[in-house]
Amino acid sequence: MAKATVTAKFKKGMMVRVAPELDWRGSEKTHWKTGDTICNRIWRDRTDEDHAAWRASDASKGIDSAGESKLDSPSRGRIPEAGETFKIVRARVTARSGWSSIPKCSEIVDTDGVHWFVKRAHLH
């Protein structure tokens, strides 16, 4: 079996886009209703404002089905638009997602100045 080769080298300051998500056939996934292309997920650590908003919401109240108090997720994710561009802040980083670490990632920043993490294989 042949090894997959990386065709692009990503460096700090480069402008990149997130690649479309592929289905089991290797075709680009599209939204069932609008037909728009769906890109791979990006994520970031939650901020203090995110935690405060969650604590103030009804979702944080009470206990879960196991009888334990509810916990807020330590990361927040989103799916970028198909043509959205990002600038690379750090090209090689191990990123935290939830309660685990994911190697081979990049830190990117969007036009609003929010820092996100994405797997390097999902960039182009």
PDB file of N, CA and C in Angstrom:
ATOM      1  N   MET A   1       0.839  -1.171   0.000  1.00  0.00           N
ATOM      2  CA  MET A   1       0.000   0.000   0.000  1.00  0.00           C
ATOM      3  C   MET A   1       0.888   1.239   0.000  1.00  0.00           C
ATOM      4  N   ALA A   2       0.594   2.179  -0.843  1.00  0.00           N
ATOM      5  CA  ALA A   2       1.400   3.394  -0.966  1.00  0.00           C
ATOM      6  C   ALA A   2       1.074   4.361   0.155  1.00  0.00           C
ATOM      7  N   LYS A   3       2.079   5.069   0.623  1.00  0.00           N
ATOM      8  CA  LYS A   3       1.878   6.070   1.658  1.00  0.00           C
ATOM      9  C   LYS A   3       1.281   7.333   1.051  1.00  0.00           C
ATOM     10  N   ALA A   4       0.434   7.982   1.837  1.00  0.00           N
ATOM     11  CA  ALA A   4      -0.129   9.258   1.397  1.00  0.00           C
ATOM     12  C   ALA A   4       0.946  10.331   1.535  1.00  0.00           C
ATOM     13  N   THR A   5       1.047  11.180   0.547  1.00  0.00           N
ATOM     14  CA  THR A   5       2.047  12.236   0.596  1.00  0.00           C
ATOM     15  C   THR A   5       1.365  13.581   0.776  1.00  0.00           C
ATOM     16  N   VAL A   6       2.018  14.447   1.507  1.00  0.00           N
ATOM     17  CA  VAL A   6       1.512  15.797   1.720  1.00  0.00           C
ATOM     18  C   VAL A   6       2.010  16.667   0.578  1.00  0.00           C
ATOM     19  N   THR A   7       1.086  17.355  -0.090  1.00  0.00           N
ATOM     20  CA  THR A   7       1.475  18.153  -1.241  1.00  0.00           C
ATOM     21  C   THR A   7       1.719  19.615  -0.887  1.00  0.00           C
ATOM     22  N   ALA A   8       1.167  20.074   0.228  1.00  0.00           N
ATOM     23  CA  ALA A   8       1.316  21.479   0.601  1.00  0.00           C
ATOM     24  C   ALA A   8       2.057  21.587   1.926  1.00  0.00           C
ATOM     25  N   LYS A   9       2.887  22.614   2.046  1.00  0.00           N
ATOM     26  CA  LYS A   9       3.564  22.910   3.303  1.00  0.00           C
ATOM     27  C   LYS A   9       2.948  24.187   3.841  1.00  0.00           C
ATOM     28  N   PHE A  10       2.417  24.101   5.036  1.00  0.00           N
ATOM     29  CA  PHE A  10       1.756  25.249   5.638  1.00  0.00           C
ATOM     30  C   PHE A  10       2.717  25.965   6.567  1.00  0.00           C
ATOM     31  N   LYS A  11       2.714  27.289   6.494  1.00  0.00           N
ATOM     32  CA  LYS A  11       3.586  28.114   7.315  1.00  0.00           C
ATOM     33  C   LYS A  11       2.780  29.237   7.936  1.00  0.00           C
ATOM     34  N   LYS A  12       3.321  29.803   9.013  1.00  0.00           N
ATOM     35  CA  LYS A  12       2.695  30.914   9.711  1.00  0.00           C
ATOM     36  C   LYS A  12       2.459  32.068   8.732  1.00  0.00           C
ATOM     37  N   GLY A  13       1.265  32.640   8.786  1.00  0.00           N
ATOM     38  CA  GLY A  13       0.923  33.781   7.940  1.00  0.00           C
ATOM     39  C   GLY A  13       0.234  33.422   6.637  1.00  0.00           C
ATOM     40  N   MET A  14       0.215  32.140   6.266  1.00  0.00           N
ATOM     41  CA  MET A  14      -0.443  31.735   5.014  1.00  0.00           C
ATOM     42  C   MET A  14      -1.958  31.847   5.140  1.00  0.00           C
ATOM     43  N   MET A  15      -2.621  32.168   4.039  1.00  0.00           N
ATOM     44  CA  MET A  15      -4.074  32.179   3.988  1.00  0.00           C
ATOM     45  C   MET A  15      -4.529  30.817   3.470  1.00  0.00           C
ATOM     46  N   VAL A  16      -5.454  30.173   4.181  1.00  0.00           N
ATOM     47  CA  VAL A  16      -5.908  28.827   3.834  1.00  0.00           C
ATOM     48  C   VAL A  16      -7.429  28.748   3.922  1.00  0.00           C
ATOM     49  N   ARG A  17      -7.959  27.664   3.387  1.00  0.00           N
ATOM     50  CA  ARG A  17      -9.376  27.324   3.515  1.00  0.00           C
ATOM     51  C   ARG A  17      -9.486  25.925   4.087  1.00  0.00           C
ATOM     52  N   VAL A  18     -10.621  25.638   4.704  1.00  0.00           N
ATOM     53  CA  VAL A  18     -10.874  24.309   5.241  1.00  0.00           C
ATOM     54  C   VAL A  18     -11.501  23.469   4.136  1.00  0.00           C
ATOM     55  N   ALA A  19     -10.966  22.259   3.947  1.00  0.00           N
ATOM     56  CA  ALA A  19     -11.424  21.380   2.872  1.00  0.00           C
ATOM     57  C   ALA A  19     -12.841  20.874   3.141  1.00  0.00           C
ATOM     58  N   PRO A  20     -13.582  20.554   2.083  1.00  0.00           N
ATOM     59  CA  PRO A  20     -14.921  19.987   2.255  1.00  0.00           C
ATOM     60  C   PRO A  20     -14.849  18.599   2.888  1.00  0.00           C
ATOM     61  N   GLU A  21     -15.870  18.271   3.659  1.00  0.00           N
ATOM     62  CA  GLU A  21     -15.956  16.940   4.257  1.00  0.00           C
ATOM     63  C   GLU A  21     -16.374  15.943   3.181  1.00  0.00           C
ATOM     64  N   LEU A  22     -15.797  14.758   3.218  1.00  0.00           N
ATOM     65  CA  LEU A  22     -16.089  13.733   2.221  1.00  0.00           C
ATOM     66  C   LEU A  22     -16.965  12.640   2.813  1.00  0.00           C
ATOM     67  N   ASP A  23     -17.852  12.089   1.998  1.00  0.00           N
ATOM     68  CA  ASP A  23     -18.663  10.972   2.457  1.00  0.00           C
ATOM     69  C   ASP A  23     -17.935   9.656   2.194  1.00  0.00           C
ATOM     70  N   TRP A  24     -18.590   8.544   2.414  1.00  0.00           N
ATOM     71  CA  TRP A  24     -17.952   7.234   2.301  1.00  0.00           C
ATOM     72  C   TRP A  24     -17.522   6.909   0.867  1.00  0.00           C
ATOM     73  N   ARG A  25     -18.097   7.576  -0.139  1.00  0.00           N
ATOM     74  CA  ARG A  25     -17.722   7.334  -1.530  1.00  0.00           C
ATOM     75  C   ARG A  25     -16.579   8.222  -1.984  1.00  0.00           C
ATOM     76  N   GLY A  26     -16.202   9.203  -1.146  1.00  0.00           N
ATOM     77  CA  GLY A  26     -15.173  10.153  -1.524  1.00  0.00           C
ATOM     78  C   GLY A  26     -15.728  11.403  -2.170  1.00  0.00           C
ATOM     79  N   SER A  27     -17.051  11.547  -2.191  1.00  0.00           N
ATOM     80  CA  SER A  27     -17.690  12.743  -2.749  1.00  0.00           C
ATOM     81  C   SER A  27     -17.859  13.796  -1.654  1.00  0.00           C
ATOM     82  N   GLU A  28     -17.911  15.054  -2.057  1.00  0.00           N
ATOM     83  CA  GLU A  28     -18.120  16.125  -1.091  1.00  0.00           C
ATOM     84  C   GLU A  28     -19.520  16.030  -0.498  1.00  0.00           C
ATOM     85  N   LYS A  29     -19.600  16.221   0.831  1.00  0.00           N
ATOM     86  CA  LYS A  29     -20.902  16.215   1.490  1.00  0.00           C
ATOM     87  C   LYS A  29     -21.586  17.553   1.254  1.00  0.00           C
ATOM     88  N   THR A  30     -22.903  17.507   1.058  1.00  0.00           N
ATOM     89  CA  THR A  30     -23.692  18.716   0.886  1.00  0.00           C
ATOM     90  C   THR A  30     -24.853  18.708   1.862  1.00  0.00           C
ATOM     91  N   HIS A  31     -25.342  19.904   2.181  1.00  0.00           N
ATOM     92  CA  HIS A  31     -26.494  20.026   3.074  1.00  0.00           C
ATOM     93  C   HIS A  31     -27.710  19.487   2.345  1.00  0.00           C
ATOM     94  N   TRP A  32     -28.491  18.675   3.020  1.00  0.00           N
ATOM     95  CA  TRP A  32     -29.619  18.009   2.378  1.00  0.00           C
ATOM     96  C   TRP A  32     -30.682  18.977   1.869  1.00  0.00           C
ATOM     97  N   LYS A  33     -30.811  20.138   2.511  1.00  0.00           N
ATOM     98  CA  LYS A  33     -31.872  21.058   2.119  1.00  0.00           C
ATOM     99  C   LYS A  33     -31.379  22.144   1.164  1.00  0.00           C
ATOM    100  N   THR A  34     -30.218  22.728   1.440  1.00  0.00           N
ATOM    101  CA  THR A  34     -29.744  23.859   0.638  1.00  0.00           C
ATOM    102  C   THR A  34     -28.807  23.442  -0.486  1.00  0.00           C
ATOM    103  N   GLY A  35     -28.159  22.285  -0.351  1.00  0.00           N
ATOM    104  CA  GLY A  35     -27.210  21.840  -1.359  1.00  0.00           C
ATOM    105  C   GLY A  35     -25.830  22.450  -1.201  1.00  0.00           C
ATOM    106  N   ASP A  36     -25.615  23.244  -0.122  1.00  0.00           N
ATOM    107  CA  ASP A  36     -24.316  23.862   0.116  1.00  0.00           C
ATOM    108  C   ASP A  36     -23.296  22.808   0.548  1.00  0.00           C
ATOM    109  N   THR A  37     -22.040  23.016   0.191  1.00  0.00           N
ATOM    110  CA  THR A  37     -20.968  22.119   0.577  1.00  0.00           C
ATOM    111  C   THR A  37     -20.695  22.242   2.076  1.00  0.00           C
ATOM    112  N   ILE A  38     -20.470  21.113   2.732  1.00  0.00           N
ATOM    113  CA  ILE A  38     -20.181  21.083   4.164  1.00  0.00           C
ATOM    114  C   ILE A  38     -18.682  20.908   4.348  1.00  0.00           C
ATOM    115  N   CYS A  39     -18.047  21.820   5.096  1.00  0.00           N
ATOM    116  CA  CYS A  39     -16.615  21.743   5.368  1.00  0.00           C
ATOM    117  C   CYS A  39     -16.357  20.972   6.654  1.00  0.00           C
ATOM    118  N   ASN A  40     -15.105  20.558   6.856  1.00  0.00           N
ATOM    119  CA  ASN A  40     -14.711  19.873   8.074  1.00  0.00           C
ATOM    120  C   ASN A  40     -14.828  20.800   9.274  1.00  0.00           C
ATOM    121  N   ARG A  41     -14.970  20.215  10.452  1.00  0.00           N
ATOM    122  CA  ARG A  41     -15.190  20.944  11.688  1.00  0.00           C
ATOM    123  C   ARG A  41     -13.910  21.607  12.185  1.00  0.00           C
ATOM    124  N   ILE A  42     -14.049  22.812  12.749  1.00  0.00           N
ATOM    125  CA  ILE A  42     -12.963  23.487  13.446  1.00  0.00           C
ATOM    126  C   ILE A  42     -13.423  23.690  14.885  1.00  0.00           C
ATOM    127  N   TRP A  43     -12.485  23.864  15.822  1.00  0.00           N
ATOM    128  CA  TRP A  43     -12.864  24.004  17.220  1.00  0.00           C
ATOM    129  C   TRP A  43     -11.902  24.936  17.945  1.00  0.00           C
ATOM    130  N   ARG A  44     -12.321  25.363  19.148  1.00  0.00           N
ATOM    131  CA  ARG A  44     -11.494  26.216  20.005  1.00  0.00           C
ATOM    132  C   ARG A  44     -11.851  25.923  21.451  1.00  0.00           C
ATOM    133  N   ASP A  45     -10.966  26.352  22.369  1.00  0.00           N
ATOM    134  CA  ASP A  45     -11.263  26.259  23.789  1.00  0.00           C
ATOM    135  C   ASP A  45     -12.354  27.260  24.131  1.00  0.00           C
ATOM    136  N   ARG A  46     -13.169  26.916  25.108  1.00  0.00           N
ATOM    137  CA  ARG A  46     -14.202  27.858  25.540  1.00  0.00           C
ATOM    138  C   ARG A  46     -13.579  28.985  26.344  1.00  0.00           C
ATOM    139  N   THR A  47     -14.151  30.165  26.222  1.00  0.00           N
ATOM    140  CA  THR A  47     -13.674  31.329  26.958  1.00  0.00           C
ATOM    141  C   THR A  47     -14.439  31.455  28.277  1.00  0.00           C
ATOM    142  N   ASP A  48     -13.990  32.363  29.129  1.00  0.00           N
ATOM    143  CA  ASP A  48     -14.693  32.617  30.384  1.00  0.00           C
ATOM    144  C   ASP A  48     -16.117  33.105  30.129  1.00  0.00           C
ATOM    145  N   GLU A  49     -16.317  33.877  29.061  1.00  0.00           N
ATOM    146  CA  GLU A  49     -17.657  34.350  28.716  1.00  0.00           C
ATOM    147  C   GLU A  49     -18.565  33.185  28.311  1.00  0.00           C
ATOM    148  N   ASP A  50     -17.998  32.201  27.573  1.00  0.00           N
ATOM    149  CA  ASP A  50     -18.773  31.015  27.192  1.00  0.00           C
ATOM    150  C   ASP A  50     -19.212  30.235  28.422  1.00  0.00           C
ATOM    151  N   HIS A  51     -18.288  30.047  29.379  1.00  0.00           N
ATOM    152  CA  HIS A  51     -18.617  29.316  30.608  1.00  0.00           C
ATOM    153  C   HIS A  51     -19.662  30.064  31.435  1.00  0.00           C
ATOM    154  N   ALA A  52     -19.538  31.393  31.530  1.00  0.00           N
ATOM    155  CA  ALA A  52     -20.506  32.183  32.290  1.00  0.00           C
ATOM    156  C   ALA A  52     -21.890  32.100  31.663  1.00  0.00           C
ATOM    157  N   ALA A  53     -21.958  32.165  30.340  1.00  0.00           N
ATOM    158  CA  ALA A  53     -23.247  32.055  29.650  1.00  0.00           C
ATOM    159  C   ALA A  53     -23.860  30.679  29.855  1.00  0.00           C
ATOM    160  N   TRP A  54     -23.040  29.634  29.858  1.00  0.00           N
ATOM    161  CA  TRP A  54     -23.548  28.288  30.066  1.00  0.00           C
ATOM    162  C   TRP A  54     -24.072  28.123  31.491  1.00  0.00           C
ATOM    163  N   ARG A  55     -23.338  28.665  32.484  1.00  0.00           N
ATOM    164  CA  ARG A  55     -23.782  28.560  33.878  1.00  0.00           C
ATOM    165  C   ARG A  55     -25.096  29.294  34.099  1.00  0.00           C
ATOM    166  N   ALA A  56     -25.330  30.359  33.356  1.00  0.00           N
ATOM    167  CA  ALA A  56     -26.565  31.126  33.495  1.00  0.00           C
ATOM    168  C   ALA A  56     -27.741  30.484  32.757  1.00  0.00           C
ATOM    169  N   SER A  57     -27.476  29.539  31.854  1.00  0.00           N
ATOM    170  CA  SER A  57     -28.548  28.922  31.065  1.00  0.00           C
ATOM    171  C   SER A  57     -29.221  27.787  31.842  1.00  0.00           C
ATOM    172  N   ASP A  58     -30.394  27.378  31.366  1.00  0.00           N
ATOM    173  CA  ASP A  58     -31.115  26.272  31.990  1.00  0.00           C
ATOM    174  C   ASP A  58     -30.435  24.929  31.754  1.00  0.00           C
ATOM    175  N   ALA A  59     -29.572  24.834  30.738  1.00  0.00           N
ATOM    176  CA  ALA A  59     -28.895  23.570  30.426  1.00  0.00           C
ATOM    177  C   ALA A  59     -27.942  23.142  31.531  1.00  0.00           C
ATOM    178  N   SER A  60     -27.466  24.087  32.339  1.00  0.00           N
ATOM    179  CA  SER A  60     -26.508  23.760  33.400  1.00  0.00           C
ATOM    180  C   SER A  60     -27.186  23.340  34.700  1.00  0.00           C
ATOM    181  N   LYS A  61     -28.478  23.523  34.798  1.00  0.00           N
ATOM    182  CA  LYS A  61     -29.198  23.260  36.044  1.00  0.00           C
ATOM    183  C   LYS A  61     -29.524  21.773  36.187  1.00  0.00           C
ATOM    184  N   GLY A  62     -29.568  21.303  37.425  1.00  0.00           N
ATOM    185  CA  GLY A  62     -29.994  19.940  37.706  1.00  0.00           C
ATOM    186  C   GLY A  62     -28.884  18.932  37.570  1.00  0.00           C
ATOM    187  N   ILE A  63     -29.291  17.677  37.352  1.00  0.00           N
ATOM    188  CA  ILE A  63     -28.340  16.574  37.224  1.00  0.00           C
ATOM    189  C   ILE A  63     -28.597  15.814  35.931  1.00  0.00           C
ATOM    190  N   ASP A  64     -27.587  15.039  35.504  1.00  0.00           N
ATOM    191  CA  ASP A  64     -27.748  14.264  34.279  1.00  0.00           C
ATOM    192  C   ASP A  64     -28.378  12.908  34.589  1.00  0.00           C
ATOM    193  N   SER A  65     -28.508  12.038  33.600  1.00  0.00           N
ATOM    194  CA  SER A  65     -29.170  10.748  33.773  1.00  0.00           C
ATOM    195  C   SER A  65     -28.410   9.810  34.695  1.00  0.00           C
ATOM    196  N   ALA A  66     -27.133  10.070  34.940  1.00  0.00           N
ATOM    197  CA  ALA A  66     -26.344   9.241  35.846  1.00  0.00           C
ATOM    198  C   ALA A  66     -26.407   9.762  37.282  1.00  0.00           C
ATOM    199  N   GLY A  67     -27.139  10.839  37.514  1.00  0.00           N
ATOM    200  CA  GLY A  67     -27.273  11.397  38.850  1.00  0.00           C
ATOM    201  C   GLY A  67     -26.125  12.301  39.254  1.00  0.00           C
ATOM    202  N   GLU A  68     -25.346  12.777  38.269  1.00  0.00           N
ATOM    203  CA  GLU A  68     -24.222  13.664  38.553  1.00  0.00           C
ATOM    204  C   GLU A  68     -24.526  15.067  38.044  1.00  0.00           C
ATOM    205  N   SER A  69     -23.827  16.047  38.608  1.00  0.00           N
ATOM    206  CA  SER A  69     -24.038  17.418  38.151  1.00  0.00           C
ATOM    207  C   SER A  69     -23.531  17.552  36.710  1.00  0.00           C
ATOM    208  N   LYS A  70     -24.149  18.432  35.957  1.00  0.00           N
ATOM    209  CA  LYS A  70     -23.795  18.606  34.550  1.00  0.00           C
ATOM    210  C   LYS A  70     -22.493  19.370  34.409  1.00  0.00           C
ATOM    211  N   LEU A  71     -21.691  19.007  33.410  1.00  0.00           N
ATOM    212  CA  LEU A  71     -20.430  19.680  33.132  1.00  0.00           C
ATOM    213  C   LEU A  71     -20.479  20.342  31.762  1.00  0.00           C
ATOM    214  N   ASP A  72     -19.885  21.505  31.668  1.00  0.00           N
ATOM    215  CA  ASP A  72     -19.790  22.219  30.396  1.00  0.00           C
ATOM    216  C   ASP A  72     -18.655  21.613  29.570  1.00  0.00           C
ATOM    217  N   SER A  73     -18.850  21.524  28.284  1.00  0.00           N
ATOM    218  CA  SER A  73     -17.791  21.033  27.405  1.00  0.00           C
ATOM    219  C   SER A  73     -16.631  22.026  27.394  1.00  0.00           C
ATOM    220  N   PRO A  74     -15.383  21.539  27.451  1.00  0.00           N
ATOM    221  CA  PRO A  74     -14.250  22.474  27.451  1.00  0.00           C
ATOM    222  C   PRO A  74     -13.926  23.069  26.088  1.00  0.00           C
ATOM    223  N   SER A  75     -14.561  22.609  25.016  1.00  0.00           N
ATOM    224  CA  SER A  75     -14.269  23.178  23.698  1.00  0.00           C
ATOM    225  C   SER A  75     -15.575  23.472  22.956  1.00  0.00           C
ATOM    226  N   ARG A  76     -15.458  24.336  21.957  1.00  0.00           N
ATOM    227  CA  ARG A  76     -16.600  24.732  21.147  1.00  0.00           C
ATOM    228  C   ARG A  76     -16.218  24.574  19.690  1.00  0.00           C
ATOM    229  N   GLY A  77     -17.082  23.985  18.885  1.00  0.00           N
ATOM    230  CA  GLY A  77     -16.778  23.768  17.480  1.00  0.00           C
ATOM    231  C   GLY A  77     -17.785  24.429  16.560  1.00  0.00           C
ATOM    232  N   ARG A  78     -17.402  24.548  15.314  1.00  0.00           N
ATOM    233  CA  ARG A  78     -18.311  25.055  14.281  1.00  0.00           C
ATOM    234  C   ARG A  78     -17.847  24.547  12.928  1.00  0.00           C
ATOM    235  N   ILE A  79     -18.721  24.641  11.960  1.00  0.00           N
ATOM    236  CA  ILE A  79     -18.397  24.245  10.591  1.00  0.00           C
ATOM    237  C   ILE A  79     -18.291  25.521   9.765  1.00  0.00           C
ATOM    238  N   PRO A  80     -17.117  25.810   9.189  1.00  0.00           N
ATOM    239  CA  PRO A  80     -16.954  27.049   8.425  1.00  0.00           C
ATOM    240  C   PRO A  80     -17.702  27.016   7.092  1.00  0.00           C
ATOM    241  N   GLU A  81     -17.934  28.174   6.555  1.00  0.00           N
ATOM    242  CA  GLU A  81     -18.549  28.296   5.232  1.00  0.00           C
ATOM    243  C   GLU A  81     -17.579  27.764   4.181  1.00  0.00           C
ATOM    244  N   ALA A  82     -18.076  27.379   3.015  1.00  0.00           N
ATOM    245  CA  ALA A  82     -17.255  26.746   1.983  1.00  0.00           C
ATOM    246  C   ALA A  82     -16.128  27.635   1.475  1.00  0.00           C
ATOM    247  N   GLY A  83     -16.315  28.915   1.317  1.00  0.00           N
ATOM    248  CA  GLY A  83     -15.275  29.785   0.772  1.00  0.00           C
ATOM    249  C   GLY A  83     -14.546  30.615   1.814  1.00  0.00           C
ATOM    250  N   GLU A  84     -14.803  30.372   3.095  1.00  0.00           N
ATOM    251  CA  GLU A  84     -14.222  31.182   4.170  1.00  0.00           C
ATOM    252  C   GLU A  84     -12.715  30.958   4.263  1.00  0.00           C
ATOM    253  N   THR A  85     -11.960  32.040   4.379  1.00  0.00           N
ATOM    254  CA  THR A  85     -10.506  31.932   4.475  1.00  0.00           C
ATOM    255  C   THR A  85     -10.040  32.233   5.894  1.00  0.00           C
ATOM    256  N   PHE A  86      -8.917  31.623   6.249  1.00  0.00           N
ATOM    257  CA  PHE A  86      -8.317  31.773   7.563  1.00  0.00           C
ATOM    258  C   PHE A  86      -6.833  32.055   7.393  1.00  0.00           C
ATOM    259  N   LYS A  87      -6.228  32.651   8.414  1.00  0.00           N
ATOM    260  CA  LYS A  87      -4.795  32.889   8.422  1.00  0.00           C
ATOM    261  C   LYS A  87      -4.173  31.952   9.453  1.00  0.00           C
ATOM    262  N   ILE A  88      -3.066  31.303   9.098  1.00  0.00           N
ATOM    263  CA  ILE A  88      -2.403  30.376  10.007  1.00  0.00           C
ATOM    264  C   ILE A  88      -1.607  31.163  11.041  1.00  0.00           C
ATOM    265  N   VAL A  89      -1.844  30.852  12.326  1.00  0.00           N
ATOM    266  CA  VAL A  89      -1.108  31.458  13.429  1.00  0.00           C
ATOM    267  C   VAL A  89       0.055  30.553  13.814  1.00  0.00           C
ATOM    268  N   ARG A  90      -0.223  29.261  13.985  1.00  0.00           N
ATOM    269  CA  ARG A  90       0.802  28.254  14.246  1.00  0.00           C
ATOM    270  C   ARG A  90       0.508  27.065  13.340  1.00  0.00           C
ATOM    271  N   ALA A  91       1.483  26.676  12.532  1.00  0.00           N
ATOM    272  CA  ALA A  91       1.258  25.626  11.537  1.00  0.00           C
ATOM    273  C   ALA A  91       1.264  24.221  12.143  1.00  0.00           C
ATOM    274  N   ARG A  92       2.040  24.007  13.195  1.00  0.00           N
ATOM    275  CA  ARG A  92       2.136  22.679  13.801  1.00  0.00           C
ATOM    276  C   ARG A  92       1.862  22.782  15.288  1.00  0.00           C
ATOM    277  N   VAL A  93       0.768  22.154  15.718  1.00  0.00           N
ATOM    278  CA  VAL A  93       0.379  22.221  17.122  1.00  0.00           C
ATOM    279  C   VAL A  93      -0.427  20.969  17.471  1.00  0.00           C
ATOM    280  N   THR A  94      -0.331  20.544  18.726  1.00  0.00           N
ATOM    281  CA  THR A  94      -1.218  19.513  19.254  1.00  0.00           C
ATOM    282  C   THR A  94      -2.320  20.250  19.989  1.00  0.00           C
ATOM    283  N   ALA A  95      -3.553  20.079  19.541  1.00  0.00           N
ATOM    284  CA  ALA A  95      -4.671  20.858  20.062  1.00  0.00           C
ATOM    285  C   ALA A  95      -5.514  20.032  21.024  1.00  0.00           C
ATOM    286  N   ARG A  96      -6.105  20.725  21.988  1.00  0.00           N
ATOM    287  CA  ARG A  96      -7.018  20.076  22.912  1.00  0.00           C
ATOM    288  C   ARG A  96      -8.419  20.173  22.346  1.00  0.00           C
ATOM    289  N   SER A  97      -9.130  19.060  22.353  1.00  0.00           N
ATOM    290  CA  SER A  97     -10.522  19.024  21.932  1.00  0.00           C
ATOM    291  C   SER A  97     -11.287  18.200  22.951  1.00  0.00           C
ATOM    292  N   GLY A  98     -12.151  18.838  23.681  1.00  0.00           N
ATOM    293  CA  GLY A  98     -12.831  18.134  24.756  1.00  0.00           C
ATOM    294  C   GLY A  98     -11.842  17.808  25.854  1.00  0.00           C
ATOM    295  N   TRP A  99     -11.792  16.530  26.232  1.00  0.00           N
ATOM    296  CA  TRP A  99     -10.858  16.114  27.276  1.00  0.00           C
ATOM    297  C   TRP A  99      -9.693  15.322  26.708  1.00  0.00           C
ATOM    298  N   SER A 100      -9.407  15.478  25.419  1.00  0.00           N
ATOM    299  CA  SER A 100      -8.301  14.754  24.799  1.00  0.00           C
ATOM    300  C   SER A 100      -7.458  15.711  23.944  1.00  0.00           C
ATOM    301  N   SER A 101      -6.285  15.236  23.553  1.00  0.00           N
ATOM    302  CA  SER A 101      -5.382  16.020  22.696  1.00  0.00           C
ATOM    303  C   SER A 101      -5.355  15.414  21.306  1.00  0.00           C
ATOM    304  N   ILE A 102      -5.338  16.265  20.287  1.00  0.00           N
ATOM    305  CA  ILE A 102      -5.323  15.811  18.894  1.00  0.00           C
ATOM    306  C   ILE A 102      -4.040  16.316  18.250  1.00  0.00           C
ATOM    307  N   PRO A 103      -3.155  15.402  17.802  1.00  0.00           N
ATOM    308  CA  PRO A 103      -1.916  15.825  17.151  1.00  0.00           C
ATOM    309  C   PRO A 103      -2.145  16.246  15.703  1.00  0.00           C
ATOM    310  N   LYS A 104      -1.110  16.801  15.089  1.00  0.00           N
ATOM    311  CA  LYS A 104      -1.110  17.181  13.672  1.00  0.00           C
ATOM    312  C   LYS A 104      -2.203  18.193  13.330  1.00  0.00           C
ATOM    313  N   CYS A 105      -2.255  19.263  14.108  1.00  0.00           N
ATOM    314  CA  CYS A 105      -3.239  20.323  13.888  1.00  0.00           C
ATOM    315  C   CYS A 105      -2.542  21.638  13.579  1.00  0.00           C
ATOM    316  N   SER A 106      -3.325  22.627  13.190  1.00  0.00           N
ATOM    317  CA  SER A 106      -2.867  23.992  12.996  1.00  0.00           C
ATOM    318  C   SER A 106      -3.792  24.926  13.745  1.00  0.00           C
ATOM    319  N   GLU A 107      -3.237  26.035  14.205  1.00  0.00           N
ATOM    320  CA  GLU A 107      -4.052  27.076  14.822  1.00  0.00           C
ATOM    321  C   GLU A 107      -4.282  28.145  13.771  1.00  0.00           C
ATOM    322  N   ILE A 108      -5.552  28.474  13.536  1.00  0.00           N
ATOM    323  CA  ILE A 108      -5.919  29.444  12.518  1.00  0.00           C
ATOM    324  C   ILE A 108      -6.754  30.544  13.156  1.00  0.00           C
ATOM    325  N   VAL A 109      -6.831  31.685  12.495  1.00  0.00           N
ATOM    326  CA  VAL A 109      -7.635  32.805  12.989  1.00  0.00           C
ATOM    327  C   VAL A 109      -8.571  33.252  11.866  1.00  0.00           C
ATOM    328  N   ASP A 110      -9.833  33.533  12.236  1.00  0.00           N
ATOM    329  CA  ASP A 110     -10.793  33.972  11.224  1.00  0.00           C
ATOM    330  C   ASP A 110     -10.777  35.498  11.098  1.00  0.00           C
ATOM    331  N   THR A 111     -11.644  36.040  10.292  1.00  0.00           N
ATOM    332  CA  THR A 111     -11.659  37.480  10.035  1.00  0.00           C
ATOM    333  C   THR A 111     -12.105  38.286  11.252  1.00  0.00           C
ATOM    334  N   ASP A 112     -12.792  37.650  12.207  1.00  0.00           N
ATOM    335  CA  ASP A 112     -13.223  38.321  13.435  1.00  0.00           C
ATOM    336  C   ASP A 112     -12.147  38.298  14.511  1.00  0.00           C
ATOM    337  N   GLY A 113     -11.027  37.617  14.256  1.00  0.00           N
ATOM    338  CA  GLY A 113      -9.946  37.546  15.225  1.00  0.00           C
ATOM    339  C   GLY A 113     -10.060  36.396  16.210  1.00  0.00           C
ATOM    340  N   VAL A 114     -10.975  35.461  15.980  1.00  0.00           N
ATOM    341  CA  VAL A 114     -11.156  34.312  16.862  1.00  0.00           C
ATOM    342  C   VAL A 114     -10.206  33.204  16.429  1.00  0.00           C
ATOM    343  N   HIS A 115      -9.472  32.632  17.377  1.00  0.00           N
ATOM    344  CA  HIS A 115      -8.519  31.564  17.094  1.00  0.00           C
ATOM    345  C   HIS A 115      -9.213  30.206  17.147  1.00  0.00           C
ATOM    346  N   TRP A 116      -8.940  29.357  16.150  1.00  0.00           N
ATOM    347  CA  TRP A 116      -9.533  28.031  16.031  1.00  0.00           C
ATOM    348  C   TRP A 116      -8.430  27.012  15.786  1.00  0.00           C
ATOM    349  N   PHE A 117      -8.749  25.743  15.985  1.00  0.00           N
ATOM    350  CA  PHE A 117      -7.851  24.643  15.658  1.00  0.00           C
ATOM    351  C   PHE A 117      -8.497  23.799  14.568  1.00  0.00           C
ATOM    352  N   VAL A 118      -7.658  23.224  13.703  1.00  0.00           N
ATOM    353  CA  VAL A 118      -8.130  22.358  12.627  1.00  0.00           C
ATOM    354  C   VAL A 118      -7.037  21.339  12.332  1.00  0.00           C
ATOM    355  N   LYS A 119      -7.420  20.148  11.921  1.00  0.00           N
ATOM    356  CA  LYS A 119      -6.414  19.171  11.512  1.00  0.00           C
ATOM    357  C   LYS A 119      -5.732  19.664  10.237  1.00  0.00           C
ATOM    358  N   ARG A 120      -4.410  19.504  10.173  1.00  0.00           N
ATOM    359  CA  ARG A 120      -3.664  19.970   8.994  1.00  0.00           C
ATOM    360  C   ARG A 120      -4.128  19.269   7.725  1.00  0.00           C
ATOM    361  N   ALA A 121      -4.561  18.024   7.837  1.00  0.00           N
ATOM    362  CA  ALA A 121      -5.028  17.290   6.655  1.00  0.00           C
ATOM    363  C   ALA A 121      -6.295  17.906   6.068  1.00  0.00           C
ATOM    364  N   HIS A 122      -7.009  18.726   6.831  1.00  0.00           N
ATOM    365  CA  HIS A 122      -8.236  19.338   6.361  1.00  0.00           C
ATOM    366  C   HIS A 122      -8.027  20.735   5.769  1.00  0.00           C
ATOM    367  N   LEU A 123      -6.779  21.163   5.659  1.00  0.00           N
ATOM    368  CA  LEU A 123      -6.489  22.475   5.090  1.00  0.00           C
ATOM    369  C   LEU A 123      -6.103  22.368   3.621  1.00  0.00           C
ATOM    370  N   HIS A 124      -6.390  23.403   2.887  1.00  0.00           N
ATOM    371  CA  HIS A 124      -5.887  23.540   1.507  1.00  0.00           C
ATOM    372  C   HIS A 124      -5.850  24.999   1.116  1.00  0.00           C
TER     373      HIS A 124
END
